[in-house]
């Protein structure tokens, strides 16, 4: 079974994937998979990762997954759970048996995004406030009838719902 769980910044994708991985589940955060993703400019040219949300927005950069790489990665496992998201996520859904959206309450999301443990805090906020990457992800998930999973649940409860 190949399972994808995606959602906005702060939904807990990294936390849940690492917790499940520590419990022996083939769970991966997309950021931990070397070669899966990269940043691209509007002409499709690979660019260095932006340092801030303002830089990414001003330059119209997109964070994209390589479908070819992802296909090879998924084929290495009979059961695998991938947590993450990208600008071209909806073009790779056909590689998965199940897909879920990790839905988070805005107040909980705000608290998580303010956490000092965030690995890239400058990608989550700017002078105008929070940059919520992936608001459109929920809208697209709803259009496609993708099941929603409550991001306030424990990793074990989430795993019970997605397996």
N, C-alpha and C. Protein backbone atom coordinates (compact mmCIF):
# COMPACT_ATOMS: atom_id res chain seq x y z
N UNK A 1 0.84 -1.18 0.00
CA UNK A 1 0.00 0.00 0.00
C UNK A 1 0.88 1.24 0.00
N UNK A 2 0.64 2.13 -0.93
CA UNK A 2 1.37 3.41 -1.04
C UNK A 2 0.41 4.51 -0.61
N UNK A 3 0.78 5.23 0.45
CA UNK A 3 -0.12 6.22 1.04
C UNK A 3 0.56 7.59 1.07
N UNK A 4 -0.17 8.60 0.65
CA UNK A 4 0.29 9.98 0.70
C UNK A 4 -0.57 10.76 1.69
N UNK A 5 0.10 11.52 2.57
CA UNK A 5 -0.59 12.42 3.49
C UNK A 5 0.01 13.81 3.26
N UNK A 6 -0.83 14.75 2.86
CA UNK A 6 -0.35 16.10 2.61
C UNK A 6 -1.19 17.11 3.38
N UNK A 7 -0.68 18.31 3.48
CA UNK A 7 -1.39 19.37 4.18
C UNK A 7 -0.54 20.61 4.25
N UNK A 8 -1.06 21.66 4.87
CA UNK A 8 -0.34 22.93 4.93
C UNK A 8 0.79 22.93 5.94
N UNK A 9 1.59 23.97 5.91
CA UNK A 9 2.65 24.17 6.90
C UNK A 9 2.06 24.11 8.30
N UNK A 10 2.73 23.43 9.18
CA UNK A 10 2.29 23.36 10.57
C UNK A 10 1.28 22.28 10.87
N UNK A 11 0.87 21.52 9.87
CA UNK A 11 -0.14 20.48 10.10
C UNK A 11 0.43 19.29 10.88
N UNK A 12 1.76 19.14 10.88
CA UNK A 12 2.37 18.05 11.63
C UNK A 12 2.89 16.92 10.77
N UNK A 13 3.04 17.15 9.48
CA UNK A 13 3.49 16.09 8.58
C UNK A 13 4.84 15.52 8.99
N UNK A 14 5.78 16.39 9.26
CA UNK A 14 7.13 15.95 9.64
C UNK A 14 7.09 15.23 10.98
N UNK A 15 6.40 15.80 11.94
CA UNK A 15 6.31 15.19 13.27
C UNK A 15 5.69 13.79 13.21
N UNK A 16 4.58 13.67 12.51
CA UNK A 16 3.90 12.37 12.42
C UNK A 16 4.79 11.36 11.70
N UNK A 17 5.40 11.77 10.58
CA UNK A 17 6.22 10.83 9.82
C UNK A 17 7.41 10.35 10.63
N UNK A 18 8.06 11.26 11.36
CA UNK A 18 9.22 10.87 12.18
C UNK A 18 8.80 9.98 13.34
N UNK A 19 7.66 10.27 13.95
CA UNK A 19 7.16 9.43 15.05
C UNK A 19 6.87 8.03 14.55
N UNK A 20 6.20 7.92 13.42
CA UNK A 20 5.88 6.60 12.87
C UNK A 20 7.15 5.86 12.44
N UNK A 21 8.08 6.60 11.87
CA UNK A 21 9.35 5.98 11.46
C UNK A 21 10.08 5.40 12.67
N UNK A 22 10.06 6.12 13.78
CA UNK A 22 10.70 5.64 15.02
C UNK A 22 10.00 4.41 15.58
N UNK A 23 8.76 4.18 15.15
CA UNK A 23 8.02 2.99 15.57
C UNK A 23 8.15 1.85 14.57
N UNK A 24 9.02 2.03 13.58
CA UNK A 24 9.28 0.97 12.61
C UNK A 24 8.41 0.98 11.37
N UNK A 25 7.61 2.01 11.18
CA UNK A 25 6.75 2.13 10.00
C UNK A 25 7.57 2.74 8.87
N UNK A 26 7.37 2.30 7.64
CA UNK A 26 8.01 2.90 6.48
C UNK A 26 7.33 4.23 6.18
N UNK A 27 7.58 5.21 7.04
CA UNK A 27 7.00 6.55 6.90
C UNK A 27 8.13 7.54 6.62
N UNK A 28 7.88 8.45 5.69
CA UNK A 28 8.91 9.39 5.28
C UNK A 28 8.33 10.79 5.14
N UNK A 29 9.09 11.76 5.60
CA UNK A 29 8.78 13.16 5.32
C UNK A 29 9.45 13.49 3.99
N UNK A 30 8.76 14.19 3.12
CA UNK A 30 9.33 14.45 1.80
C UNK A 30 10.66 15.19 1.88
N UNK A 31 10.84 16.01 2.92
CA UNK A 31 12.08 16.74 3.07
C UNK A 31 13.28 15.88 3.42
N UNK A 32 13.03 14.64 3.83
CA UNK A 32 14.10 13.71 4.19
C UNK A 32 14.53 12.82 3.02
N UNK A 33 13.87 12.95 1.89
CA UNK A 33 14.15 12.09 0.74
C UNK A 33 15.01 12.86 -0.26
N UNK A 34 16.30 12.61 -0.19
CA UNK A 34 17.27 13.29 -1.06
C UNK A 34 16.96 12.99 -2.53
N UNK A 35 16.79 14.04 -3.32
CA UNK A 35 16.55 13.89 -4.76
C UNK A 35 15.09 13.97 -5.16
N UNK A 36 14.18 13.99 -4.19
CA UNK A 36 12.75 14.03 -4.52
C UNK A 36 12.31 15.40 -5.02
N UNK A 37 12.79 16.45 -4.37
CA UNK A 37 12.24 17.76 -4.65
C UNK A 37 13.33 18.81 -4.86
N UNK A 38 12.88 19.91 -5.46
CA UNK A 38 13.76 21.06 -5.67
C UNK A 38 12.89 22.28 -5.92
N UNK A 39 13.53 23.44 -5.85
CA UNK A 39 12.87 24.71 -6.15
C UNK A 39 13.16 25.07 -7.61
N UNK A 40 12.14 25.65 -8.27
CA UNK A 40 12.27 26.02 -9.68
C UNK A 40 11.71 27.42 -9.89
N UNK A 41 12.29 28.13 -10.88
CA UNK A 41 11.74 29.43 -11.22
C UNK A 41 10.59 29.23 -12.21
N UNK A 42 9.98 30.33 -12.62
CA UNK A 42 8.80 30.22 -13.49
C UNK A 42 9.12 29.66 -14.87
N UNK A 43 10.41 29.61 -15.24
CA UNK A 43 10.81 29.04 -16.52
C UNK A 43 11.20 27.56 -16.41
N UNK A 44 11.04 27.00 -15.21
CA UNK A 44 11.36 25.59 -15.01
C UNK A 44 12.83 25.32 -14.73
N UNK A 45 13.59 26.37 -14.46
CA UNK A 45 15.01 26.22 -14.16
C UNK A 45 15.18 26.02 -12.65
N UNK A 46 15.98 25.02 -12.29
CA UNK A 46 16.24 24.75 -10.88
C UNK A 46 17.00 25.92 -10.26
N UNK A 47 16.56 26.32 -9.06
CA UNK A 47 17.18 27.44 -8.35
C UNK A 47 17.54 27.00 -6.94
N UNK A 48 18.47 27.69 -6.29
CA UNK A 48 18.78 27.36 -4.90
C UNK A 48 17.55 27.60 -4.02
N UNK A 49 17.41 26.86 -2.94
CA UNK A 49 16.26 27.07 -2.05
C UNK A 49 16.22 28.52 -1.56
N UNK A 50 15.05 29.15 -1.63
CA UNK A 50 14.95 30.51 -1.13
C UNK A 50 15.14 30.54 0.39
N UNK A 51 15.65 31.65 0.88
CA UNK A 51 15.90 31.79 2.31
C UNK A 51 14.66 32.26 3.07
N UNK A 52 13.76 32.94 2.35
CA UNK A 52 12.56 33.49 3.00
C UNK A 52 11.35 33.28 2.11
N UNK A 53 10.18 33.40 2.73
CA UNK A 53 8.93 33.32 1.98
C UNK A 53 8.85 34.48 0.99
N UNK A 54 9.29 35.66 1.41
CA UNK A 54 9.27 36.82 0.51
C UNK A 54 10.07 36.56 -0.76
N UNK A 55 11.23 35.93 -0.61
CA UNK A 55 12.06 35.61 -1.78
C UNK A 55 11.34 34.64 -2.71
N UNK A 56 10.73 33.60 -2.14
CA UNK A 56 10.02 32.62 -2.96
C UNK A 56 8.85 33.26 -3.70
N UNK A 57 8.09 34.09 -2.99
CA UNK A 57 6.93 34.73 -3.59
C UNK A 57 7.32 35.77 -4.64
N UNK A 58 8.30 36.59 -4.31
CA UNK A 58 8.72 37.66 -5.24
C UNK A 58 9.27 37.10 -6.54
N UNK A 59 9.93 35.97 -6.46
CA UNK A 59 10.54 35.37 -7.65
C UNK A 59 9.67 34.31 -8.32
N UNK A 60 8.47 34.09 -7.77
CA UNK A 60 7.54 33.10 -8.32
C UNK A 60 8.15 31.70 -8.37
N UNK A 61 8.87 31.35 -7.33
CA UNK A 61 9.49 30.03 -7.26
C UNK A 61 8.44 28.98 -6.90
N UNK A 62 8.66 27.78 -7.37
CA UNK A 62 7.78 26.64 -7.07
C UNK A 62 8.61 25.51 -6.50
N UNK A 63 8.05 24.86 -5.49
CA UNK A 63 8.67 23.68 -4.87
C UNK A 63 8.01 22.47 -5.51
N UNK A 64 8.78 21.67 -6.25
CA UNK A 64 8.21 20.58 -7.04
C UNK A 64 8.90 19.25 -6.76
N UNK A 65 8.12 18.19 -6.88
CA UNK A 65 8.64 16.83 -6.77
C UNK A 65 8.94 16.30 -8.17
N UNK A 66 9.94 15.43 -8.25
CA UNK A 66 10.24 14.72 -9.49
C UNK A 66 9.39 13.45 -9.52
N UNK A 67 8.49 13.36 -10.49
CA UNK A 67 7.62 12.19 -10.59
C UNK A 67 8.43 10.93 -10.88
N UNK A 68 9.44 11.07 -11.71
CA UNK A 68 10.29 9.92 -12.04
C UNK A 68 11.01 9.41 -10.78
N UNK A 69 11.58 10.33 -10.02
CA UNK A 69 12.27 9.94 -8.79
C UNK A 69 11.27 9.31 -7.81
N UNK A 70 10.12 9.93 -7.65
CA UNK A 70 9.11 9.43 -6.71
C UNK A 70 8.64 8.03 -7.09
N UNK A 71 8.46 7.78 -8.36
CA UNK A 71 8.05 6.45 -8.83
C UNK A 71 9.07 5.40 -8.39
N UNK A 72 10.34 5.69 -8.63
CA UNK A 72 11.40 4.75 -8.22
C UNK A 72 11.45 4.57 -6.71
N UNK A 73 11.30 5.65 -5.98
CA UNK A 73 11.32 5.58 -4.52
C UNK A 73 10.18 4.70 -4.01
N UNK A 74 8.97 4.94 -4.48
CA UNK A 74 7.81 4.18 -4.01
C UNK A 74 7.91 2.70 -4.38
N UNK A 75 8.52 2.41 -5.52
CA UNK A 75 8.64 1.02 -5.96
C UNK A 75 9.59 0.20 -5.10
N UNK A 76 10.35 0.86 -4.24
CA UNK A 76 11.26 0.14 -3.35
C UNK A 76 10.53 -0.49 -2.16
N UNK A 77 9.26 -0.16 -1.98
CA UNK A 77 8.51 -0.60 -0.80
C UNK A 77 7.18 -1.24 -1.19
N UNK A 78 6.78 -2.25 -0.43
CA UNK A 78 5.42 -2.77 -0.62
C UNK A 78 4.43 -1.90 0.15
N UNK A 79 4.85 -1.42 1.31
CA UNK A 79 4.04 -0.49 2.10
C UNK A 79 4.89 0.72 2.44
N UNK A 80 4.37 1.91 2.13
CA UNK A 80 5.11 3.14 2.41
C UNK A 80 4.12 4.29 2.61
N UNK A 81 4.49 5.17 3.55
CA UNK A 81 3.67 6.34 3.87
C UNK A 81 4.54 7.57 3.64
N UNK A 82 4.09 8.43 2.73
CA UNK A 82 4.82 9.65 2.43
C UNK A 82 4.02 10.84 2.95
N UNK A 83 4.70 11.71 3.70
CA UNK A 83 4.10 12.91 4.25
C UNK A 83 4.78 14.11 3.63
N UNK A 84 4.01 15.04 3.07
CA UNK A 84 4.62 16.23 2.50
C UNK A 84 3.70 16.92 1.53
N UNK A 85 4.29 17.74 0.70
CA UNK A 85 3.52 18.47 -0.28
C UNK A 85 4.42 19.21 -1.25
N UNK A 86 3.87 19.50 -2.40
CA UNK A 86 4.62 20.21 -3.44
C UNK A 86 3.65 20.93 -4.35
N UNK A 87 4.19 21.80 -5.16
CA UNK A 87 3.38 22.55 -6.11
C UNK A 87 2.77 21.68 -7.20
N UNK A 88 3.35 20.53 -7.44
CA UNK A 88 2.82 19.61 -8.47
C UNK A 88 2.27 18.33 -7.86
N UNK A 89 1.88 18.40 -6.61
CA UNK A 89 1.39 17.22 -5.88
C UNK A 89 0.26 16.51 -6.62
N UNK A 90 -0.65 17.27 -7.21
CA UNK A 90 -1.82 16.64 -7.83
C UNK A 90 -1.49 15.90 -9.11
N UNK A 91 -0.30 16.09 -9.65
CA UNK A 91 0.10 15.35 -10.84
C UNK A 91 0.75 14.02 -10.50
N UNK A 92 0.92 13.72 -9.19
CA UNK A 92 1.52 12.45 -8.80
C UNK A 92 0.56 11.57 -8.00
N UNK A 93 -0.68 11.99 -7.85
CA UNK A 93 -1.63 11.21 -7.04
C UNK A 93 -1.83 9.80 -7.57
N UNK A 94 -1.68 9.63 -8.87
CA UNK A 94 -1.88 8.31 -9.47
C UNK A 94 -0.85 7.29 -9.00
N UNK A 95 0.23 7.74 -8.36
CA UNK A 95 1.25 6.81 -7.85
C UNK A 95 0.86 6.19 -6.51
N UNK A 96 -0.22 6.68 -5.91
CA UNK A 96 -0.61 6.25 -4.56
C UNK A 96 -1.92 5.48 -4.56
N UNK A 97 -2.00 4.52 -3.62
CA UNK A 97 -3.23 3.75 -3.44
C UNK A 97 -4.24 4.52 -2.59
N UNK A 98 -3.73 5.30 -1.64
CA UNK A 98 -4.59 6.11 -0.77
C UNK A 98 -3.95 7.48 -0.60
N UNK A 99 -4.80 8.50 -0.49
CA UNK A 99 -4.33 9.87 -0.30
C UNK A 99 -5.21 10.53 0.76
N UNK A 100 -4.57 11.26 1.68
CA UNK A 100 -5.29 11.94 2.76
C UNK A 100 -4.78 13.37 2.89
N UNK A 101 -5.69 14.25 3.35
CA UNK A 101 -5.33 15.63 3.64
C UNK A 101 -5.32 15.82 5.16
N UNK A 102 -4.22 16.34 5.68
CA UNK A 102 -4.07 16.59 7.12
C UNK A 102 -4.59 18.00 7.39
N UNK A 103 -5.81 18.07 7.91
CA UNK A 103 -6.49 19.35 8.13
C UNK A 103 -6.23 19.86 9.54
N UNK A 104 -5.84 21.14 9.61
CA UNK A 104 -5.49 21.73 10.90
C UNK A 104 -6.34 22.96 11.19
N UNK A 105 -6.73 23.10 12.43
CA UNK A 105 -7.43 24.28 12.90
C UNK A 105 -6.48 25.48 12.80
N UNK A 106 -6.95 26.62 12.30
CA UNK A 106 -6.06 27.78 12.12
C UNK A 106 -5.34 28.24 13.40
N UNK A 107 -5.99 28.16 14.54
CA UNK A 107 -5.34 28.59 15.78
C UNK A 107 -4.21 27.63 16.16
N UNK A 108 -4.44 26.33 16.04
CA UNK A 108 -3.40 25.34 16.31
C UNK A 108 -2.26 25.51 15.31
N UNK A 109 -2.59 25.77 14.08
CA UNK A 109 -1.57 25.98 13.05
C UNK A 109 -0.69 27.19 13.40
N UNK A 110 -1.32 28.28 13.82
CA UNK A 110 -0.57 29.47 14.20
C UNK A 110 0.39 29.17 15.34
N UNK A 111 -0.09 28.44 16.34
CA UNK A 111 0.78 28.08 17.48
C UNK A 111 1.96 27.23 17.01
N UNK A 112 1.70 26.28 16.16
CA UNK A 112 2.78 25.42 15.67
C UNK A 112 3.78 26.20 14.83
N UNK A 113 3.29 27.11 14.00
CA UNK A 113 4.19 27.90 13.15
C UNK A 113 5.05 28.85 13.97
N UNK A 114 4.62 29.20 15.15
CA UNK A 114 5.39 30.10 16.02
C UNK A 114 6.41 29.34 16.87
N UNK A 115 6.37 28.02 16.82
CA UNK A 115 7.27 27.21 17.63
C UNK A 115 8.73 27.49 17.29
N UNK A 116 9.57 27.63 18.31
CA UNK A 116 11.00 27.86 18.05
C UNK A 116 11.69 26.65 17.40
N UNK A 117 11.02 25.51 17.37
CA UNK A 117 11.63 24.32 16.78
C UNK A 117 11.40 24.22 15.27
N UNK A 118 10.68 25.20 14.67
CA UNK A 118 10.46 25.17 13.22
C UNK A 118 11.81 25.22 12.50
N UNK A 119 12.06 24.30 11.56
CA UNK A 119 13.36 24.27 10.88
C UNK A 119 13.59 25.45 9.94
N UNK A 120 12.52 25.99 9.35
CA UNK A 120 12.67 27.10 8.40
C UNK A 120 11.63 28.18 8.72
N UNK A 121 11.76 28.84 9.86
CA UNK A 121 10.73 29.82 10.25
C UNK A 121 10.56 30.98 9.28
N UNK A 122 11.60 31.34 8.56
CA UNK A 122 11.50 32.45 7.62
C UNK A 122 10.68 32.10 6.38
N UNK A 123 10.39 30.80 6.21
CA UNK A 123 9.52 30.38 5.11
C UNK A 123 8.06 30.36 5.54
N UNK A 124 7.79 30.55 6.83
CA UNK A 124 6.43 30.50 7.35
C UNK A 124 5.82 31.86 7.61
N UNK A 125 6.63 32.91 7.65
CA UNK A 125 6.09 34.24 7.95
C UNK A 125 6.94 35.33 7.33
N UNK A 126 6.29 36.49 7.21
CA UNK A 126 6.99 37.69 6.75
C UNK A 126 6.42 38.88 7.51
N UNK A 127 6.70 40.10 7.06
CA UNK A 127 6.22 41.29 7.77
C UNK A 127 4.71 41.38 7.83
N UNK A 128 4.03 40.75 6.88
CA UNK A 128 2.57 40.79 6.85
C UNK A 128 1.93 39.73 7.74
N UNK A 129 2.72 38.84 8.30
CA UNK A 129 2.18 37.77 9.14
C UNK A 129 2.59 36.42 8.60
N UNK A 130 1.71 35.44 8.81
CA UNK A 130 2.02 34.08 8.40
C UNK A 130 1.78 33.88 6.91
N UNK A 131 2.67 33.12 6.32
CA UNK A 131 2.51 32.67 4.94
C UNK A 131 2.03 31.23 5.06
N UNK A 132 0.78 31.00 4.71
CA UNK A 132 0.24 29.65 4.83
C UNK A 132 0.37 28.97 3.48
N UNK A 133 1.49 28.29 3.32
CA UNK A 133 1.71 27.56 2.08
C UNK A 133 0.67 26.45 2.00
N UNK A 134 -0.02 26.39 0.92
CA UNK A 134 -0.90 25.27 0.70
C UNK A 134 -2.34 25.47 1.08
N UNK A 135 -2.80 26.71 1.31
CA UNK A 135 -4.23 26.91 1.52
C UNK A 135 -5.01 26.31 0.35
N UNK A 136 -4.45 26.48 -0.84
CA UNK A 136 -5.11 25.95 -2.03
C UNK A 136 -5.14 24.42 -2.03
N UNK A 137 -4.22 23.80 -1.26
CA UNK A 137 -4.20 22.34 -1.20
C UNK A 137 -5.52 21.80 -0.64
N UNK A 138 -6.03 22.45 0.41
CA UNK A 138 -7.29 21.98 1.00
C UNK A 138 -8.43 22.12 0.01
N UNK A 139 -8.48 23.24 -0.67
CA UNK A 139 -9.53 23.46 -1.67
C UNK A 139 -9.48 22.38 -2.75
N UNK A 140 -8.28 22.09 -3.24
CA UNK A 140 -8.12 21.07 -4.28
C UNK A 140 -8.44 19.67 -3.74
N UNK A 141 -8.07 19.42 -2.49
CA UNK A 141 -8.38 18.12 -1.87
C UNK A 141 -9.89 17.93 -1.79
N UNK A 142 -10.58 18.97 -1.37
CA UNK A 142 -12.05 18.90 -1.28
C UNK A 142 -12.68 18.63 -2.65
N UNK A 143 -12.19 19.34 -3.67
CA UNK A 143 -12.72 19.15 -5.03
C UNK A 143 -12.58 17.70 -5.48
N UNK A 144 -11.50 17.06 -5.04
CA UNK A 144 -11.21 15.70 -5.46
C UNK A 144 -11.77 14.64 -4.50
N UNK A 145 -12.44 15.07 -3.45
CA UNK A 145 -13.03 14.12 -2.50
C UNK A 145 -11.99 13.39 -1.66
N UNK A 146 -10.84 14.01 -1.46
CA UNK A 146 -9.78 13.38 -0.66
C UNK A 146 -10.17 13.45 0.81
N UNK A 147 -10.10 12.32 1.51
CA UNK A 147 -10.49 12.31 2.93
C UNK A 147 -9.62 13.23 3.78
N UNK A 148 -10.28 13.89 4.73
CA UNK A 148 -9.60 14.81 5.65
C UNK A 148 -9.30 14.06 6.95
N UNK A 149 -8.10 14.31 7.49
CA UNK A 149 -7.68 13.74 8.77
C UNK A 149 -7.38 14.90 9.70
N UNK A 150 -7.88 14.82 10.91
CA UNK A 150 -7.70 15.87 11.91
C UNK A 150 -6.25 15.91 12.37
N UNK A 151 -5.57 17.03 12.13
CA UNK A 151 -4.16 17.17 12.46
C UNK A 151 -3.90 17.27 13.96
N UNK A 152 -4.96 17.42 14.77
CA UNK A 152 -4.76 17.50 16.22
C UNK A 152 -4.69 16.11 16.87
N UNK A 153 -4.93 15.07 16.07
CA UNK A 153 -4.84 13.71 16.60
C UNK A 153 -3.39 13.31 16.84
N UNK A 154 -3.18 12.28 17.63
CA UNK A 154 -1.83 11.78 17.87
C UNK A 154 -1.34 11.05 16.62
N UNK A 155 -0.02 10.91 16.47
CA UNK A 155 0.50 10.15 15.33
C UNK A 155 -0.11 8.74 15.24
N UNK A 156 -0.31 8.10 16.37
CA UNK A 156 -0.88 6.75 16.35
C UNK A 156 -2.33 6.77 15.87
N UNK A 157 -3.11 7.75 16.31
CA UNK A 157 -4.50 7.87 15.84
C UNK A 157 -4.54 8.16 14.34
N UNK A 158 -3.63 9.01 13.89
CA UNK A 158 -3.57 9.30 12.45
C UNK A 158 -3.21 8.05 11.68
N UNK A 159 -2.24 7.29 12.19
CA UNK A 159 -1.83 6.06 11.51
C UNK A 159 -2.99 5.08 11.42
N UNK A 160 -3.77 4.97 12.47
CA UNK A 160 -4.93 4.06 12.45
C UNK A 160 -5.92 4.46 11.34
N UNK A 161 -6.04 5.75 11.08
CA UNK A 161 -6.97 6.23 10.06
C UNK A 161 -6.46 6.04 8.64
N UNK A 162 -5.16 6.10 8.45
CA UNK A 162 -4.60 6.08 7.08
C UNK A 162 -4.13 4.71 6.63
N UNK A 163 -4.02 3.76 7.54
CA UNK A 163 -3.47 2.46 7.11
C UNK A 163 -4.49 1.57 6.47
